[in-house]
Protein backbone atom coordinates (compact mmCIF):
# COMPACT_ATOMS: atom_id res chain seq x y z
CA MET A 1 33.87 27.31 69.63
CA ALA A 2 32.84 30.34 68.79
CA ASP A 3 35.16 31.84 65.87
CA GLU A 4 33.70 27.85 64.29
CA LEU A 5 30.47 28.62 64.73
CA VAL A 6 30.88 32.34 63.40
CA GLY A 7 32.84 30.56 60.54
CA GLY A 8 30.39 27.49 60.44
CA THR A 9 27.60 30.39 59.78
CA GLY A 10 29.14 32.87 57.02
CA VAL A 11 29.21 29.75 55.01
CA ALA A 12 25.86 28.17 55.31
CA LEU A 13 24.96 32.14 54.46
CA ALA A 14 26.67 31.95 51.36
CA ARG A 15 25.68 28.58 50.62
CA ARG A 16 22.38 29.61 50.95
CA ARG A 17 22.65 32.75 48.89
CA GLU A 18 24.19 30.99 46.21
CA ILE A 19 20.97 28.80 45.87
CA SER A 20 18.72 30.57 45.87
CA GLY A 21 20.49 32.67 43.15
CA ARG A 22 20.76 29.88 40.94
CA LYS A 23 16.92 29.66 42.15
CA ARG A 24 15.59 32.33 40.39
CA ALA A 25 17.71 31.78 37.65
CA ALA A 26 15.75 28.51 37.32
CA GLU A 27 12.41 30.30 37.97
CA ARG A 28 12.99 32.85 35.51
CA GLU A 29 14.01 29.95 32.83
CA LEU A 30 11.22 28.01 33.37
CA GLU A 31 8.77 30.94 32.42
CA ALA A 32 10.76 31.92 29.64
CA ALA A 33 10.54 28.36 28.42
CA ALA A 34 6.70 27.92 29.40
CA GLU A 35 6.39 31.14 27.48
CA ARG A 36 8.47 29.55 23.78
CA LEU A 37 6.43 26.58 24.04
CA ALA A 38 3.37 29.10 24.65
CA ALA A 39 3.98 30.69 21.66
CA GLY A 40 5.37 27.75 19.51
CA GLN A 41 2.80 25.26 20.38
CA ALA A 42 1.83 22.99 17.05
CA GLY A 43 -1.47 21.67 15.91
CA PRO A 44 -5.12 22.83 16.93
CA ARG A 45 -5.87 25.46 19.72
CA LEU A 46 -8.87 24.26 22.50
CA GLY A 47 -11.76 25.09 19.87
CA GLU A 48 -10.68 25.04 16.98
CA ILE A 49 -11.86 23.37 14.37
CA VAL A 50 -9.68 21.22 11.51
CA GLU A 51 -11.40 20.30 8.32
CA VAL A 52 -9.91 17.15 7.19
CA ARG A 53 -10.25 16.49 3.04
CA ALA A 54 -9.65 13.29 1.72
CA THR A 55 -10.69 12.50 -2.44
CA PHE A 56 -11.05 8.72 -3.10
CA GLU A 57 -11.57 7.40 -7.17
CA VAL A 58 -12.69 4.39 -7.73
CA GLU A 59 -13.99 1.95 -10.36
CA GLY A 60 -17.63 0.06 -9.39
CA ARG A 61 -18.00 -0.79 -6.05
CA VAL A 62 -15.60 -0.44 -3.12
CA GLU A 63 -15.75 -1.27 0.39
CA ALA A 64 -13.45 1.30 2.16
CA ALA A 65 -12.54 2.40 6.11
CA LEU A 66 -11.47 5.56 6.96
CA GLU A 67 -9.08 6.11 10.03
CA VAL A 68 -8.15 10.15 11.10
CA SER A 69 -5.57 10.49 13.61
CA TYR A 70 -3.61 13.57 15.44
CA HIS A 71 -1.85 13.52 18.76
CA VAL A 72 -3.03 15.12 21.78
CA SER A 73 -0.72 16.27 24.81
CA GLY A 74 -1.77 15.10 28.37
CA ALA A 75 -3.41 12.10 26.91
CA SER A 76 -2.86 8.24 28.14
CA TRP A 77 -4.94 4.22 27.65
CA GLN A 78 -3.80 1.24 29.62
CA PRO A 79 -5.21 -2.01 28.09
CA LEU A 80 -7.40 -3.96 30.20
CA TYR A 81 -7.90 -7.75 29.61
CA ASP A 82 -10.01 -10.10 31.60
CA LEU A 83 -9.48 -13.81 30.39
CA ARG A 84 -12.17 -16.87 31.66
CA LEU A 85 -11.90 -20.58 30.85
CA ASP A 86 -15.41 -22.39 30.46
CA GLY A 87 -14.02 -26.47 30.02
CA GLU A 88 -11.66 -25.55 27.05
CA ARG A 89 -13.27 -22.98 25.97
CA LEU A 90 -11.27 -19.87 26.38
CA ALA A 91 -12.96 -15.75 26.37
CA VAL A 92 -10.99 -13.09 26.11
CA SER A 93 -12.53 -9.14 26.67
CA TYR A 94 -10.63 -7.25 25.83
CA LEU A 95 -11.35 -2.74 27.00
CA ALA A 96 -8.91 0.57 27.26
CA GLU A 97 -8.76 2.12 29.83
CA VAL A 98 -8.16 5.90 28.78
CA THR A 99 -7.27 8.99 30.39
CA GLN A 100 -6.88 12.35 29.81
CA GLN A 101 -6.28 15.87 30.59
CA SER A 102 -6.31 18.04 27.04
CA GLY A 103 -8.58 20.18 27.94
CA GLU A 104 -11.14 18.58 24.96
CA ASP A 105 -14.23 16.78 26.27
CA TRP A 106 -14.10 13.43 25.37
CA PRO A 107 -17.13 10.92 25.67
CA PRO A 108 -16.78 8.32 27.34
CA PHE A 109 -16.61 5.11 25.22
CA LEU A 110 -16.69 1.16 25.60
CA ASN A 111 -15.98 -0.77 22.80
CA THR A 112 -15.93 -4.80 23.85
CA GLU A 113 -14.97 -7.88 21.23
CA GLN A 114 -14.91 -11.56 23.02
CA ASN A 115 -13.10 -14.58 21.33
């Protein structure tokens, strides 16, 4: 029995050393990937100003809408709906719940429409 315990302990210690080595290698790889990501991160950094320019050429009076969008990592949204039936009239209200951890300051905004 003692031989079995000694042999089992040796195997366990060897396995533990192997796992520790793999853990250290994975930590080094993760650190290197984080450095590469930080160095090659696309887009403006927090606090940077981005200028967007557009030129429109029109003849006569024109009504137009312009939408500018950009990708922000660390942000998501979830639609929220409220359906109410009053007799034969269906009222639909909707809005979105936005969550973000981008580091940007997003003031609260609520837009609700009813049809």
